[in-house]
Protein backbone atom coordinates (compact mmCIF):
# COMPACT_ATOMS: atom_id res chain seq x y z
CA UNK A 1 98.95 88.28 127.45
CA UNK A 2 102.02 89.92 125.88
CA UNK A 3 103.66 86.51 125.41
CA UNK A 4 100.51 85.22 123.67
CA UNK A 5 100.48 88.14 121.25
CA UNK A 6 104.20 87.89 120.53
CA UNK A 7 103.91 84.16 119.81
CA UNK A 8 101.01 84.80 117.45
CA UNK A 9 102.98 87.44 115.57
CA UNK A 10 106.05 85.21 115.38
CA UNK A 11 103.80 82.50 113.92
CA UNK A 12 102.69 84.82 111.11
CA UNK A 13 99.24 85.48 112.53
CA UNK A 14 96.99 88.51 112.13
CA UNK A 15 96.35 90.22 115.48
CA UNK A 16 94.12 93.15 116.37
CA UNK A 17 95.53 95.49 119.02
CA UNK A 18 94.52 98.87 120.43
CA UNK A 19 96.65 101.98 119.94
CA UNK A 20 96.28 105.57 121.11
CA UNK A 21 94.21 106.29 117.97
CA UNK A 22 92.24 103.21 116.81
CA UNK A 23 92.49 99.43 116.77
CA UNK A 24 95.26 98.33 114.42
CA UNK A 25 95.82 95.21 112.36
CA UNK A 26 99.21 93.91 113.42
CA UNK A 27 101.46 91.41 111.70
CA UNK A 28 105.21 90.89 111.77
CA UNK A 29 106.31 93.36 109.09
CA UNK A 30 109.28 91.12 108.18
CA UNK A 31 107.05 88.09 107.43
CA UNK A 32 105.97 88.09 103.78
CA UNK A 33 103.15 85.55 104.23
CA UNK A 34 101.76 87.51 107.17
CA UNK A 35 101.83 90.73 105.12
CA UNK A 36 99.99 89.00 102.25
CA UNK A 37 97.36 87.88 104.75
CA UNK A 38 96.96 91.48 105.92
CA UNK A 39 96.64 92.70 102.31
CA UNK A 40 93.84 90.18 101.76
CA UNK A 41 92.05 91.25 104.93
CA UNK A 42 92.30 94.96 104.11
CA UNK A 43 90.99 94.24 100.61
CA UNK A 44 93.53 96.57 99.06
CA UNK A 45 95.89 96.25 96.07
CA UNK A 46 99.24 94.64 96.80
CA UNK A 47 101.88 97.38 96.80
CA UNK A 48 99.85 99.98 98.66
CA UNK A 49 102.12 100.59 101.65
CA UNK A 50 101.57 99.96 105.36
CA UNK A 51 102.94 102.04 108.20
CA UNK A 52 104.81 100.13 110.89
CA UNK A 53 105.17 100.61 114.62
CA UNK A 54 108.54 100.48 116.35
CA UNK A 55 109.74 101.00 119.91
CA UNK A 56 112.08 103.97 119.46
CA UNK A 57 114.22 105.94 117.03
CA UNK A 58 117.05 103.41 117.31
CA UNK A 59 114.78 100.66 116.02
CA UNK A 60 113.42 102.96 113.32
CA UNK A 61 116.92 103.53 111.94
CA UNK A 62 117.21 99.84 111.13
CA UNK A 63 114.47 100.28 108.53
CA UNK A 64 114.60 103.92 107.33
CA UNK A 65 117.09 106.68 106.62
CA UNK A 66 116.35 109.61 108.91
CA UNK A 67 117.23 113.11 107.73
CA UNK A 68 117.31 116.15 110.02
CA UNK A 69 113.63 116.95 109.39
CA UNK A 70 112.57 113.45 110.38
CA UNK A 71 114.76 113.46 113.50
CA UNK A 72 113.21 116.73 114.63
CA UNK A 73 109.72 115.30 114.20
CA UNK A 74 110.67 112.19 116.19
CA UNK A 75 112.02 114.33 119.02
CA UNK A 76 109.01 116.62 119.03
CA UNK A 77 106.06 114.26 118.50
CA UNK A 78 107.03 110.63 119.11
CA UNK A 79 105.81 108.57 120.84
CA UNK A 80 102.45 109.90 119.70
CA UNK A 81 99.88 109.96 116.88
CA UNK A 82 102.26 110.89 114.07
CA UNK A 83 103.48 108.77 111.14
CA UNK A 84 106.80 109.95 109.69
CA UNK A 85 107.58 108.84 106.13
CA UNK A 86 111.25 108.39 105.26
CA UNK A 87 113.31 106.57 102.65
CA UNK A 88 113.22 102.85 103.45
CA UNK A 89 116.22 100.54 103.74
CA UNK A 90 114.28 97.67 102.13
CA UNK A 91 114.64 95.33 105.12
CA UNK A 92 110.95 94.44 105.43
CA UNK A 93 108.61 92.02 103.70
CA UNK A 94 107.56 92.90 100.18
CA UNK A 95 104.43 95.01 100.19
CA UNK A 96 105.14 97.04 103.34
CA UNK A 97 107.18 99.83 101.78
CA UNK A 98 105.65 102.03 99.09
CA UNK A 99 106.55 101.31 95.48
CA UNK A 100 108.89 104.32 95.54
CA UNK A 101 110.79 102.77 98.46
CA UNK A 102 109.46 104.99 101.25
CA UNK A 103 108.17 103.77 104.62
CA UNK A 104 105.95 105.31 107.27
CA UNK A 105 107.09 104.78 110.88
CA UNK A 106 105.02 105.17 114.05
CA UNK A 107 105.93 104.95 117.73
CA UNK A 108 102.47 104.54 119.29
CA UNK A 109 101.97 106.14 122.68
CA UNK A 110 100.22 103.03 123.99
CA UNK A 111 102.04 100.91 126.61
CA UNK A 112 100.67 97.50 125.58
CA UNK A 113 101.59 98.02 121.92
CA UNK A 114 105.07 99.18 122.89
CA UNK A 115 105.63 96.18 125.18
CA UNK A 116 104.59 93.77 122.42
CA UNK A 117 106.85 95.46 119.88
CA UNK A 118 109.79 95.50 122.29
CA UNK A 119 109.48 91.81 123.14
CA UNK A 120 108.98 90.85 119.49
CA UNK A 121 112.02 92.99 118.61
CA UNK A 122 110.65 93.54 115.11
CA UNK A 123 108.43 96.19 113.54
CA UNK A 124 104.69 95.56 113.57
CA UNK A 125 102.23 96.86 110.97
CA UNK A 126 100.19 99.71 112.42
CA UNK A 127 97.45 100.10 109.83
CA UNK A 128 93.91 100.60 111.10
CA UNK A 129 92.02 97.33 111.60
CA UNK A 130 89.05 98.25 109.43
CA UNK A 131 88.72 97.07 105.85
CA UNK A 132 89.39 99.78 103.27
CA UNK A 133 86.82 102.60 103.31
CA UNK A 134 84.97 101.19 106.34
CA UNK A 135 84.36 103.14 109.57
CA UNK A 136 87.18 103.85 111.98
CA UNK A 137 87.58 101.00 114.49
CA UNK A 138 87.21 102.44 117.97
CA UNK A 139 85.85 99.12 119.27
CA UNK A 140 86.04 95.56 117.95
CA UNK A 141 82.39 95.63 116.91
CA UNK A 142 83.22 98.45 114.48
CA UNK A 143 85.39 95.93 112.66
CA UNK A 144 83.34 92.74 112.97
CA UNK A 145 80.07 94.40 111.94
CA UNK A 146 81.56 95.70 108.70
CA UNK A 147 83.56 92.82 107.25
CA UNK A 148 82.70 89.62 105.41
CA UNK A 149 82.81 86.06 106.75
CA UNK A 150 85.90 85.50 104.61
CA UNK A 151 87.67 88.42 106.28
CA UNK A 152 86.67 87.24 109.75
CA UNK A 153 88.32 83.89 109.09
CA UNK A 154 91.63 85.66 108.48
CA UNK A 155 91.72 87.09 112.01
CA UNK A 156 93.75 84.93 114.39
CA UNK A 157 93.67 86.93 117.62
CA UNK A 158 91.84 89.99 118.94
CA UNK A 159 92.84 91.80 122.12
CA UNK A 160 89.79 93.64 123.45
CA UNK A 161 90.73 96.92 125.16
CA UNK A 162 87.12 98.11 125.21
CA UNK A 163 85.86 101.21 123.44
CA UNK A 164 88.67 103.63 122.63
CA UNK A 165 88.33 107.43 122.78
CA UNK A 166 87.29 108.90 119.43
CA UNK A 167 90.71 110.32 118.64
CA UNK A 168 91.78 111.28 115.14
CA UNK A 169 94.09 108.91 113.21
CA UNK A 170 97.78 109.75 113.11
CA UNK A 171 99.01 112.77 111.20
CA UNK A 172 101.09 111.52 108.24
CA UNK A 173 104.16 113.60 107.32
CA UNK A 174 106.46 112.94 104.37
CA UNK A 175 110.06 113.99 105.05
CA UNK A 176 111.64 112.67 101.85
CA UNK A 177 111.38 115.79 99.65
CA UNK A 178 113.96 118.57 100.00
CA UNK A 179 114.05 118.24 103.77
CA UNK A 180 110.69 120.04 103.94
CA UNK A 181 107.89 118.15 105.74
CA UNK A 182 104.73 117.62 103.67
CA UNK A 183 101.48 116.70 105.39
CA UNK A 184 99.66 113.85 103.63
CA UNK A 185 97.00 113.31 106.30
CA UNK A 186 95.86 115.71 108.99
CA UNK A 187 95.17 114.07 112.34
CA UNK A 188 95.20 115.30 115.92
CA UNK A 189 98.70 116.80 115.61
CA UNK A 190 98.87 119.90 113.39
CA UNK A 191 102.01 121.46 111.94
CA UNK A 192 100.02 124.29 110.34
CA UNK A 193 97.26 126.48 111.66
CA UNK A 194 94.96 125.57 108.78
CA UNK A 195 93.88 122.10 107.67
CA UNK A 196 95.87 121.41 104.50
CA UNK A 197 97.26 118.21 103.04
CA UNK A 198 98.98 117.18 99.83
CA UNK A 199 97.42 114.74 97.38
CA UNK A 200 99.68 113.14 94.79
CA UNK A 201 97.05 111.23 92.82
CA UNK A 202 93.33 110.80 92.28
CA UNK A 203 93.45 107.86 94.68
CA UNK A 204 95.04 110.11 97.33
CA UNK A 205 92.28 112.66 96.82
CA UNK A 206 89.65 109.95 97.28
CA UNK A 207 91.34 108.78 100.45
CA UNK A 208 91.45 112.34 101.85
CA UNK A 209 87.71 112.56 101.18
CA UNK A 210 87.24 109.34 103.12
CA UNK A 211 89.19 110.72 106.06
CA UNK A 212 87.07 113.87 106.07
CA UNK A 213 83.86 111.86 105.83
CA UNK A 214 84.87 109.79 108.85
CA UNK A 215 85.14 112.98 110.91
CA UNK A 216 81.47 113.78 110.37
CA UNK A 217 79.66 110.53 109.57
CA UNK A 218 78.25 110.40 113.11
CA UNK A 219 75.94 113.28 112.10
CA UNK A 220 74.24 111.24 109.36
CA UNK A 221 70.52 111.15 110.00
CA UNK A 222 70.76 113.96 112.55
CA UNK A 223 71.88 116.89 110.43
CA UNK A 224 72.43 117.58 106.76
CA UNK A 225 76.07 117.62 105.66
CA UNK A 226 77.30 119.77 102.77
CA UNK A 227 80.71 119.33 101.17
CA UNK A 228 81.18 122.64 99.35
CA UNK A 229 83.95 122.02 96.80
CA UNK A 230 86.04 124.82 95.30
CA UNK A 231 88.82 124.48 92.73
CA UNK A 232 89.76 125.08 89.11
CA UNK A 233 88.87 122.72 86.29
CA UNK A 234 90.75 119.43 86.58
CA UNK A 235 91.87 119.77 90.20
CA UNK A 236 89.91 116.69 91.26
CA UNK A 237 86.57 117.77 92.72
CA UNK A 238 84.82 114.75 91.22
CA UNK A 239 87.60 112.47 92.50
CA UNK A 240 86.86 113.85 95.96
CA UNK A 241 83.17 112.97 95.55
CA UNK A 242 84.13 109.47 94.43
CA UNK A 243 86.03 109.07 97.70
CA UNK A 244 83.00 110.27 99.66
CA UNK A 245 80.80 107.76 97.86
CA UNK A 246 83.20 104.89 98.58
CA UNK A 247 83.33 105.80 102.26
CA UNK A 248 79.53 105.94 102.36
CA UNK A 249 79.26 102.46 100.85
CA UNK A 250 77.75 103.65 97.56
CA UNK A 251 78.38 101.07 94.83
CA UNK A 252 77.11 103.06 91.86
CA UNK A 253 79.57 104.65 89.45
CA UNK A 254 80.12 108.32 90.31
CA UNK A 255 80.33 110.69 87.36
CA UNK A 256 80.39 114.45 87.06
CA UNK A 257 76.88 115.98 86.84
CA UNK A 258 78.15 118.85 84.69
CA UNK A 259 75.34 118.47 82.14
CA UNK A 260 72.57 117.03 84.32
CA UNK A 261 73.45 119.45 87.17
CA UNK A 262 72.39 116.88 89.80
CA UNK A 263 72.96 113.16 90.33
CA UNK A 264 71.28 111.33 93.20
CA UNK A 265 72.67 108.25 94.93
CA UNK A 266 71.77 106.49 98.13
CA UNK A 267 72.21 109.17 100.85
CA UNK A 268 74.32 111.39 98.57
CA UNK A 269 73.28 114.17 96.19
CA UNK A 270 76.02 115.35 93.82
CA UNK A 271 75.54 118.84 92.30
CA UNK A 272 77.63 120.75 89.76
CA UNK A 273 76.98 124.50 89.36
CA UNK A 274 79.46 125.09 86.51
CA UNK A 275 76.81 125.43 83.77
CA UNK A 276 74.31 127.37 85.88
CA UNK A 277 73.54 130.87 84.57
CA UNK A 278 72.08 132.08 87.87
CA UNK A 279 73.79 129.66 90.30
CA UNK A 280 72.22 130.73 93.59
CA UNK A 281 68.66 130.68 92.19
CA UNK A 282 69.18 127.44 90.25
CA UNK A 283 70.68 125.68 93.27
CA UNK A 284 67.60 126.66 95.24
CA UNK A 285 65.33 125.47 92.40
CA UNK A 286 66.96 122.03 92.51
CA UNK A 287 65.22 121.47 95.85
CA UNK A 288 68.18 122.13 98.12
CA UNK A 289 65.93 123.26 100.97
CA UNK A 290 64.12 119.91 101.02
CA UNK A 291 67.41 117.99 100.85
CA UNK A 292 68.64 119.92 103.88
CA UNK A 293 65.36 119.31 105.69
CA UNK A 294 65.67 115.58 104.91
CA UNK A 295 69.16 115.60 106.51
CA UNK A 296 70.81 114.56 103.25
CA UNK A 297 74.49 114.62 102.32
CA UNK A 298 75.31 117.03 99.49
CA UNK A 299 78.51 117.42 97.49
CA UNK A 300 78.45 120.68 95.53
CA UNK A 301 81.13 121.33 92.91
CA UNK A 302 82.04 124.95 92.06
CA UNK A 303 80.53 125.92 95.41
CA UNK A 304 82.24 129.32 95.22
CA UNK A 305 79.56 130.25 92.64
CA UNK A 306 76.73 129.58 95.10
CA UNK A 307 78.11 130.90 98.39
CA UNK A 308 75.04 133.02 99.12
CA UNK A 309 72.60 130.09 98.80
CA UNK A 310 74.79 127.61 100.66
CA UNK A 311 75.28 129.97 103.60
CA UNK A 312 71.50 130.10 104.11
CA UNK A 313 71.67 126.57 105.50
CA UNK A 314 74.43 127.15 108.05
CA UNK A 315 72.02 126.70 110.97
CA UNK A 316 70.56 123.42 109.69
CA UNK A 317 73.59 121.79 108.08
CA UNK A 318 77.24 121.12 108.73
CA UNK A 319 79.03 122.86 105.85
CA UNK A 320 82.57 121.72 105.06
CA UNK A 321 84.29 124.07 102.61
CA UNK A 322 86.91 122.12 100.66
CA UNK A 323 89.39 123.96 98.45
CA UNK A 324 91.54 122.01 95.96
CA UNK A 325 94.48 123.77 94.29
CA UNK A 326 97.20 122.71 91.89
CA UNK A 327 100.53 121.90 93.54
CA UNK A 328 104.10 122.24 92.28
CA UNK A 329 104.21 118.93 90.41
CA UNK A 330 101.79 117.87 87.66
CA UNK A 331 99.81 115.45 89.83
CA UNK A 332 100.08 117.40 93.10
CA UNK A 333 96.98 118.90 94.66
CA UNK A 334 96.79 120.94 97.87
CA UNK A 335 93.54 120.23 99.68
CA UNK A 336 92.39 122.44 102.54
CA UNK A 337 89.12 122.60 104.45
CA UNK A 338 87.19 124.50 107.08
CA UNK A 339 83.78 124.31 108.75
CA UNK A 340 80.94 126.83 108.88
């Protein structure tokens, strides 16, 4: 089986493999045509980077510059569910590295993946095998049931390892800034006691919302879910809701309900309490109790103004408190969350 997979990758084919987190979409990361095929399958803009899997630190050093911070992370966490971002050496196909020249490296703790990578002797893309903003692929059906016929035709080979454990995706850590690791995605491995990641753009904030949604989407239809959003004006609360909507498959344009107070979409109710004079009473008057009873999904901006009312539903709903703060740079946002 390993020889079959290696031949397919050498031939520029798109292969689905299991890892210790989810199924991944694997192509030879040095083959430009194969990478373009992967971009088409993922339905994402060309230039949005892919992480790659390698066999060990020696192989990683062929493609990235490792500083002391990165080396310590490799020694401590790899192989394992951690992606370490370093400055790339530009030895891969166009479209794998980020536009700023950085590259995320993984050493998956999954024997079959490692054997394939070792025999191929080249890095393999290790991006999740789902199309952008679709559910995490813990089994092949999770992929096939959520992609188009056109996308299915792009798949050359699928290795079925059965249903994988519902592990979190890899933790993504950027080591390129001042030798201080910055968490861009929080997975199973935590470097901090609290859940906190850095967003560098509105798109990043949307993607973080997607990741959070995928932690709790299994409760849809069984319990109400409230995303209680806190943060100053302009930090990106509405961007977060846009990410939620994308992950939920909502096609309508998401806009801030600052003046209407409430916007309703399929499965999602978006509420803004900024203009409310008596926030707790007005939130109740909007019919929140019925929405909770109907097991709806609510995104409430300026939730810190309505803490008393929101906490009333802690027995019936999953409440995810999301705090968004300004970071050091103009576009930086620190996003943290906790559950009540």
